[in-house]
Protein backbone atom coordinates (compact mmCIF):
# COMPACT_ATOMS: atom_id res chain seq x y z
CA MET A 1 65.04 131.01 133.16
CA ASN A 2 62.35 129.69 135.47
CA ALA A 3 59.98 126.79 134.77
CA HIS A 4 57.19 129.11 133.61
CA GLN A 5 59.44 130.80 131.06
CA LEU A 6 60.73 127.45 129.77
CA LYS A 7 57.18 126.22 129.27
CA GLY A 8 56.71 128.92 126.63
CA VAL A 9 59.96 128.05 124.84
CA PHE A 10 59.44 124.32 124.30
CA PRO A 11 56.50 124.65 121.88
CA LEU A 12 58.70 126.81 119.66
CA ILE A 13 61.40 124.17 119.65
CA TRP A 14 58.97 121.38 118.83
CA CYS A 15 57.41 123.39 116.00
CA MET A 16 60.73 123.80 114.23
CA LYS A 17 61.13 121.69 111.11
CA LYS A 18 62.90 118.46 112.01
CA ARG A 19 66.15 118.02 110.12
CA ASP A 20 67.32 114.67 108.92
CA ASP A 21 70.82 114.75 110.40
CA LYS A 22 71.91 111.51 108.71
CA LYS A 23 70.92 112.88 105.31
CA GLU A 24 72.77 116.14 106.00
CA LEU A 25 75.94 114.24 106.90
CA LYS A 26 75.66 112.05 103.80
CA ASP A 27 75.08 115.08 101.56
CA PHE A 28 78.02 116.90 103.12
CA GLY A 29 80.21 113.84 102.66
CA LYS A 30 79.22 113.51 99.01
CA GLN A 31 80.13 117.16 98.48
CA VAL A 32 83.53 116.62 100.09
CA ARG A 33 84.08 113.67 97.72
CA VAL A 34 83.05 115.76 94.70
CA CYS A 35 85.45 118.54 95.66
CA ARG A 36 88.24 116.04 96.27
CA GLN A 37 87.68 114.31 92.94
CA GLU A 38 87.54 117.65 91.11
CA GLN A 39 91.06 118.24 92.44
CA ALA A 40 92.07 114.74 91.25
CA MET A 41 93.08 114.12 94.85
CA THR A 42 93.06 110.77 96.62
CA GLN A 43 91.75 110.30 100.13
CA SER A 44 95.34 109.58 101.12
CA ALA A 45 96.58 112.89 99.69
CA LEU A 46 93.80 114.83 101.42
CA ALA A 47 94.50 113.08 104.70
CA TYR A 48 98.16 114.03 104.34
CA GLU A 49 97.26 117.68 103.65
CA MET A 50 95.02 117.74 106.72
CA ASP A 51 97.31 115.67 108.95
CA VAL A 52 94.55 113.17 109.76
CA GLU A 53 94.04 109.46 109.24
CA ILE A 54 92.71 108.27 105.86
CA SER A 55 89.89 106.53 107.71
CA GLN A 56 88.62 109.90 108.94
CA ILE A 57 88.30 111.15 105.35
CA SER A 58 86.48 107.97 104.42
CA ARG A 59 84.06 108.29 107.35
CA ILE A 60 83.35 111.93 106.49
CA GLU A 61 82.69 111.12 102.83
CA ARG A 62 80.34 108.29 103.79
CA GLY A 63 78.46 110.53 106.23
CA LEU A 64 79.34 108.37 109.22
CA ILE A 65 80.75 111.14 111.42
CA ASN A 66 79.85 114.72 112.16
CA PRO A 67 83.05 116.72 111.52
CA THR A 68 83.91 119.55 113.88
CA LEU A 69 84.24 123.14 112.73
CA LEU A 70 88.03 122.83 112.85
CA THR A 71 87.89 119.72 110.67
CA ILE A 72 85.68 121.53 108.15
CA ILE A 73 88.18 124.40 108.05
CA ARG A 74 90.99 121.91 107.47
CA LEU A 75 88.96 120.14 104.76
CA ALA A 76 88.44 123.42 102.90
CA SER A 77 92.11 124.29 103.22
CA GLY A 78 93.27 120.84 102.13
CA LEU A 79 90.91 120.89 99.16
CA ARG A 80 91.73 124.52 98.35
CA VAL A 81 88.07 125.49 98.30
CA SER A 82 85.98 127.89 100.34
CA ILE A 83 84.09 126.57 103.32
CA SER A 84 80.86 127.59 101.62
CA ARG A 85 81.76 125.33 98.66
CA LEU A 86 81.66 122.34 101.00
CA PHE A 87 78.05 123.23 101.83
CA ASP A 88 77.08 123.92 98.22
CA TYR A 89 74.76 120.98 97.78
CA ALA A 90 71.02 121.04 97.29
């Protein structure tokens, strides 16, 4: 793409609704916690199922980190829920 073509793209990007990434991460983390508690599972048990450190579960639930796709897949598997369930917050 040349400079002239890029000039036409940037206004589209700037017009997009700005997301609040911190809020998204907090909402996702709360949903992970809800799913975990529905399973009567501790953070320690989930960490064991996922083969990760307990602190990673804690940071996800508090919305402090942005989990990768692979981590989200492992969360769903460890919690025995669908991936879409982890994003089922409004």
